[in-house]
């Protein structure tokens, strides 16, 4: 992966993390700036890593579906990663989940075209592989997020009887 693509994926991850974290922080009082920045950077790294894994996961799913595995792996290129950054920037202030979904579908369509060309399969089959990989990564990351929130939530002390 080229350094430009890595930077683009980190910017997309930062934007995604900020879009998820800032509304939560706005409702909390007394959260330190250091904690917010730490959570934001951790979220950016996690979301950037998930974005980086999306084409590789789609390629792996295509390898399971095809009788012979594609020889070349699908990787991010600057042309594929720029719409992902645009999706993250436009959805940054949580303009709406529908807009974010539409932008991610557009990014997935670009990945599907690249996967179809690399793997030599039909575009609809490639789109299915990209969708399965995206949903699988999304569900797993959401499960980890919920676990982290559950582990970091302070419980009220139980009354002593």
C-alpha atoms as a PDB file:
ATOM      1  CA  UNK A   1       0.000   0.000   0.000  1.00  0.00           C
ATOM      2  CA  UNK A   2       1.388   3.370  -0.978  1.00  0.00           C
ATOM      3  CA  UNK A   3       1.851   6.099   1.641  1.00  0.00           C
ATOM      4  CA  UNK A   4      -0.771   8.275  -0.087  1.00  0.00           C
ATOM      5  CA  UNK A   5      -3.368   5.515   0.165  1.00  0.00           C
ATOM      6  CA  UNK A   6      -2.489   4.939   3.826  1.00  0.00           C
ATOM      7  CA  UNK A   7      -2.928   8.649   4.553  1.00  0.00           C
ATOM      8  CA  UNK A   8      -6.257   8.708   2.692  1.00  0.00           C
ATOM      9  CA  UNK A   9      -7.495   5.695   4.670  1.00  0.00           C
ATOM     10  CA  UNK A  10      -6.398   7.296   7.967  1.00  0.00           C
ATOM     11  CA  UNK A  11      -8.200  10.541   7.064  1.00  0.00           C
ATOM     12  CA  UNK A  12     -11.323   8.548   6.213  1.00  0.00           C
ATOM     13  CA  UNK A  13     -10.972   6.662   9.498  1.00  0.00           C
ATOM     14  CA  UNK A  14     -10.514   9.894  11.450  1.00  0.00           C
ATOM     15  CA  UNK A  15     -13.599  11.390   9.849  1.00  0.00           C
ATOM     16  CA  UNK A  16     -15.635   8.261  10.530  1.00  0.00           C
ATOM     17  CA  UNK A  17     -14.467   8.142  14.142  1.00  0.00           C
ATOM     18  CA  UNK A  18     -15.208  11.841  14.648  1.00  0.00           C
ATOM     19  CA  UNK A  19     -18.681  11.406  13.209  1.00  0.00           C
ATOM     20  CA  UNK A  20     -19.387   8.645  15.703  1.00  0.00           C
ATOM     21  CA  UNK A  21     -17.586  10.063  18.731  1.00  0.00           C
ATOM     22  CA  UNK A  22     -18.325  13.786  18.762  1.00  0.00           C
ATOM     23  CA  UNK A  23     -22.114  13.482  19.193  1.00  0.00           C
ATOM     24  CA  UNK A  24     -21.529  11.172  22.169  1.00  0.00           C
ATOM     25  CA  UNK A  25     -18.970  13.527  23.709  1.00  0.00           C
ATOM     26  CA  UNK A  26     -21.314  16.487  23.239  1.00  0.00           C
ATOM     27  CA  UNK A  27     -23.851  14.806  25.526  1.00  0.00           C
ATOM     28  CA  UNK A  28     -21.309  14.083  28.256  1.00  0.00           C
ATOM     29  CA  UNK A  29     -20.086  16.672  30.675  1.00  0.00           C
ATOM     30  CA  UNK A  30     -16.686  16.719  32.256  1.00  0.00           C
ATOM     31  CA  UNK A  31     -14.870  14.614  29.653  1.00  0.00           C
ATOM     32  CA  UNK A  32     -11.229  15.626  29.426  1.00  0.00           C
ATOM     33  CA  UNK A  33      -9.794  16.788  26.114  1.00  0.00           C
ATOM     34  CA  UNK A  34      -6.985  14.272  26.406  1.00  0.00           C
ATOM     35  CA  UNK A  35      -9.477  11.401  26.680  1.00  0.00           C
ATOM     36  CA  UNK A  36     -11.458  12.651  23.681  1.00  0.00           C
ATOM     37  CA  UNK A  37      -8.329  12.990  21.538  1.00  0.00           C
ATOM     38  CA  UNK A  38      -7.174   9.524  22.609  1.00  0.00           C
ATOM     39  CA  UNK A  39     -10.518   7.987  21.739  1.00  0.00           C
ATOM     40  CA  UNK A  40     -10.575   9.866  18.449  1.00  0.00           C
ATOM     41  CA  UNK A  41      -7.108   8.656  17.438  1.00  0.00           C
ATOM     42  CA  UNK A  42      -7.873   5.084  18.500  1.00  0.00           C
ATOM     43  CA  UNK A  43     -11.113   5.202  16.520  1.00  0.00           C
ATOM     44  CA  UNK A  44      -9.282   6.602  13.494  1.00  0.00           C
ATOM     45  CA  UNK A  45      -6.766   3.749  13.572  1.00  0.00           C
ATOM     46  CA  UNK A  46      -9.480   1.119  13.944  1.00  0.00           C
ATOM     47  CA  UNK A  47     -11.699   2.568  11.217  1.00  0.00           C
ATOM     48  CA  UNK A  48      -8.692   3.080   8.936  1.00  0.00           C
ATOM     49  CA  UNK A  49      -7.689  -0.553   9.449  1.00  0.00           C
ATOM     50  CA  UNK A  50     -11.235  -1.712   8.698  1.00  0.00           C
ATOM     51  CA  UNK A  51     -11.265   0.357   5.515  1.00  0.00           C
ATOM     52  CA  UNK A  52      -7.894  -1.135   4.559  1.00  0.00           C
ATOM     53  CA  UNK A  53      -9.265  -4.655   5.085  1.00  0.00           C
ATOM     54  CA  UNK A  54     -12.411  -4.124   3.004  1.00  0.00           C
ATOM     55  CA  UNK A  55     -10.916  -4.894  -0.463  1.00  0.00           C
ATOM     56  CA  UNK A  56      -8.853  -7.779   0.919  1.00  0.00           C
ATOM     57  CA  UNK A  57     -11.953  -9.251   2.568  1.00  0.00           C
ATOM     58  CA  UNK A  58     -13.926  -8.868  -0.670  1.00  0.00           C
ATOM     59  CA  UNK A  59     -11.119 -10.587  -2.548  1.00  0.00           C
ATOM     60  CA  UNK A  60     -11.152 -13.428   0.012  1.00  0.00           C
ATOM     61  CA  UNK A  61     -14.938 -13.807  -0.345  1.00  0.00           C
ATOM     62  CA  UNK A  62     -14.498 -13.901  -4.137  1.00  0.00           C
ATOM     63  CA  UNK A  63     -11.905 -16.626  -3.660  1.00  0.00           C
ATOM     64  CA  UNK A  64     -14.500 -18.676  -1.754  1.00  0.00           C
ATOM     65  CA  UNK A  65     -17.145 -18.168  -4.431  1.00  0.00           C
ATOM     66  CA  UNK A  66     -15.004 -18.743  -7.517  1.00  0.00           C
ATOM     67  CA  UNK A  67     -13.883 -22.202  -8.582  1.00  0.00           C
ATOM     68  CA  UNK A  68     -10.319 -20.878  -8.869  1.00  0.00           C
ATOM     69  CA  UNK A  69      -9.016 -18.113  -6.644  1.00  0.00           C
ATOM     70  CA  UNK A  70      -8.086 -14.847  -8.372  1.00  0.00           C
ATOM     71  CA  UNK A  71      -4.344 -14.499  -8.761  1.00  0.00           C
ATOM     72  CA  UNK A  72      -4.065 -10.771  -8.015  1.00  0.00           C
ATOM     73  CA  UNK A  73      -5.339  -9.355  -4.730  1.00  0.00           C
ATOM     74  CA  UNK A  74      -7.569  -6.316  -4.784  1.00  0.00           C
ATOM     75  CA  UNK A  75      -5.853  -3.342  -3.144  1.00  0.00           C
ATOM     76  CA  UNK A  76      -6.765   0.266  -2.546  1.00  0.00           C
ATOM     77  CA  UNK A  77      -5.572   2.779  -5.105  1.00  0.00           C
ATOM     78  CA  UNK A  78      -5.784   6.551  -4.686  1.00  0.00           C
ATOM     79  CA  UNK A  79      -8.662   6.586  -7.182  1.00  0.00           C
ATOM     80  CA  UNK A  80     -10.621   4.088  -5.088  1.00  0.00           C
ATOM     81  CA  UNK A  81      -9.748   5.684  -1.740  1.00  0.00           C
ATOM     82  CA  UNK A  82     -10.637   9.297  -2.558  1.00  0.00           C
ATOM     83  CA  UNK A  83     -14.414   8.626  -2.668  1.00  0.00           C
ATOM     84  CA  UNK A  84     -14.085   6.922   0.724  1.00  0.00           C
ATOM     85  CA  UNK A  85     -12.522  10.078   2.161  1.00  0.00           C
ATOM     86  CA  UNK A  86     -15.296  12.121   0.525  1.00  0.00           C
ATOM     87  CA  UNK A  87     -17.885   9.830   2.122  1.00  0.00           C
ATOM     88  CA  UNK A  88     -16.291  10.316   5.511  1.00  0.00           C
ATOM     89  CA  UNK A  89     -15.954  14.085   5.187  1.00  0.00           C
ATOM     90  CA  UNK A  90     -19.514  14.602   3.959  1.00  0.00           C
ATOM     91  CA  UNK A  91     -20.926  12.381   6.691  1.00  0.00           C
ATOM     92  CA  UNK A  92     -18.646  13.865   9.363  1.00  0.00           C
ATOM     93  CA  UNK A  93     -21.231  15.985  11.166  1.00  0.00           C
ATOM     94  CA  UNK A  94     -23.759  13.196  10.923  1.00  0.00           C
ATOM     95  CA  UNK A  95     -25.701  14.835   8.129  1.00  0.00           C
ATOM     96  CA  UNK A  96     -27.710  11.687   8.081  1.00  0.00           C
ATOM     97  CA  UNK A  97     -27.320   7.929   8.059  1.00  0.00           C
ATOM     98  CA  UNK A  98     -29.007   7.688   4.643  1.00  0.00           C
ATOM     99  CA  UNK A  99     -26.438   9.997   3.042  1.00  0.00           C
ATOM    100  CA  UNK A 100     -23.632   8.030   4.664  1.00  0.00           C
ATOM    101  CA  UNK A 101     -25.133   4.742   3.424  1.00  0.00           C
ATOM    102  CA  UNK A 102     -25.499   6.083  -0.111  1.00  0.00           C
ATOM    103  CA  UNK A 103     -21.902   7.266  -0.159  1.00  0.00           C
ATOM    104  CA  UNK A 104     -20.631   3.934   1.163  1.00  0.00           C
ATOM    105  CA  UNK A 105     -22.676   2.130  -1.520  1.00  0.00           C
ATOM    106  CA  UNK A 106     -20.961   4.347  -4.083  1.00  0.00           C
ATOM    107  CA  UNK A 107     -17.537   3.457  -2.693  1.00  0.00           C
ATOM    108  CA  UNK A 108     -18.543  -0.218  -2.692  1.00  0.00           C
ATOM    109  CA  UNK A 109     -19.618   0.058  -6.333  1.00  0.00           C
ATOM    110  CA  UNK A 110     -16.159   1.358  -7.197  1.00  0.00           C
ATOM    111  CA  UNK A 111     -14.574  -1.545  -5.316  1.00  0.00           C
ATOM    112  CA  UNK A 112     -16.910  -3.968  -7.085  1.00  0.00           C
ATOM    113  CA  UNK A 113     -15.774  -2.683 -10.469  1.00  0.00           C
ATOM    114  CA  UNK A 114     -12.133  -3.088  -9.497  1.00  0.00           C
ATOM    115  CA  UNK A 115     -12.774  -6.576  -8.077  1.00  0.00           C
ATOM    116  CA  UNK A 116     -14.652  -7.629 -11.211  1.00  0.00           C
ATOM    117  CA  UNK A 117     -11.709  -6.545 -13.335  1.00  0.00           C
ATOM    118  CA  UNK A 118      -9.069  -8.194 -11.121  1.00  0.00           C
ATOM    119  CA  UNK A 119     -10.959 -11.451 -10.535  1.00  0.00           C
ATOM    120  CA  UNK A 120     -12.520 -11.728 -13.988  1.00  0.00           C
ATOM    121  CA  UNK A 121     -16.054 -12.120 -12.658  1.00  0.00           C
ATOM    122  CA  UNK A 122     -19.369 -10.438 -13.360  1.00  0.00           C
ATOM    123  CA  UNK A 123     -19.924  -7.027 -11.738  1.00  0.00           C
ATOM    124  CA  UNK A 124     -22.954  -8.258  -9.776  1.00  0.00           C
ATOM    125  CA  UNK A 125     -20.985 -11.163  -8.325  1.00  0.00           C
ATOM    126  CA  UNK A 126     -18.191  -8.753  -7.374  1.00  0.00           C
ATOM    127  CA  UNK A 127     -20.751  -6.395  -5.817  1.00  0.00           C
ATOM    128  CA  UNK A 128     -22.083  -9.291  -3.738  1.00  0.00           C
ATOM    129  CA  UNK A 129     -18.580 -10.129  -2.521  1.00  0.00           C
ATOM    130  CA  UNK A 130     -17.907  -6.477  -1.639  1.00  0.00           C
ATOM    131  CA  UNK A 131     -21.258  -6.213   0.159  1.00  0.00           C
ATOM    132  CA  UNK A 132     -20.693  -9.408   2.154  1.00  0.00           C
ATOM    133  CA  UNK A 133     -17.203  -8.248   3.145  1.00  0.00           C
ATOM    134  CA  UNK A 134     -18.448  -4.765   4.074  1.00  0.00           C
ATOM    135  CA  UNK A 135     -21.341  -6.034   6.160  1.00  0.00           C
ATOM    136  CA  UNK A 136     -19.114  -8.601   7.893  1.00  0.00           C
ATOM    137  CA  UNK A 137     -16.503  -5.984   8.778  1.00  0.00           C
ATOM    138  CA  UNK A 138     -19.176  -3.507   9.850  1.00  0.00           C
ATOM    139  CA  UNK A 139     -20.901  -5.984  12.148  1.00  0.00           C
ATOM    140  CA  UNK A 140     -17.635  -7.079  13.737  1.00  0.00           C
ATOM    141  CA  UNK A 141     -16.474  -3.495  14.351  1.00  0.00           C
ATOM    142  CA  UNK A 142     -19.854  -2.532  15.809  1.00  0.00           C
ATOM    143  CA  UNK A 143     -19.649  -5.502  18.182  1.00  0.00           C
ATOM    144  CA  UNK A 144     -16.197  -4.379  19.328  1.00  0.00           C
ATOM    145  CA  UNK A 145     -17.435  -0.788  19.775  1.00  0.00           C
ATOM    146  CA  UNK A 146     -20.341  -1.946  21.924  1.00  0.00           C
ATOM    147  CA  UNK A 147     -18.000  -4.102  24.007  1.00  0.00           C
ATOM    148  CA  UNK A 148     -15.637  -1.167  24.560  1.00  0.00           C
ATOM    149  CA  UNK A 149     -18.545   1.066  25.585  1.00  0.00           C
ATOM    150  CA  UNK A 150     -19.836  -1.592  27.955  1.00  0.00           C
ATOM    151  CA  UNK A 151     -16.412  -2.055  29.526  1.00  0.00           C
ATOM    152  CA  UNK A 152     -15.860   1.715  29.890  1.00  0.00           C
ATOM    153  CA  UNK A 153     -19.286   2.566  31.310  1.00  0.00           C
ATOM    154  CA  UNK A 154     -19.265   3.300  34.996  1.00  0.00           C
ATOM    155  CA  UNK A 155     -21.873   1.399  36.915  1.00  0.00           C
ATOM    156  CA  UNK A 156     -23.814   2.998  39.734  1.00  0.00           C
ATOM    157  CA  UNK A 157     -22.911   1.508  43.086  1.00  0.00           C
ATOM    158  CA  UNK A 158     -25.420  -0.983  44.374  1.00  0.00           C
ATOM    159  CA  UNK A 159     -27.217   0.022  47.577  1.00  0.00           C
ATOM    160  CA  UNK A 160     -26.074  -1.816  50.668  1.00  0.00           C
ATOM    161  CA  UNK A 161     -28.971  -3.550  52.342  1.00  0.00           C
END
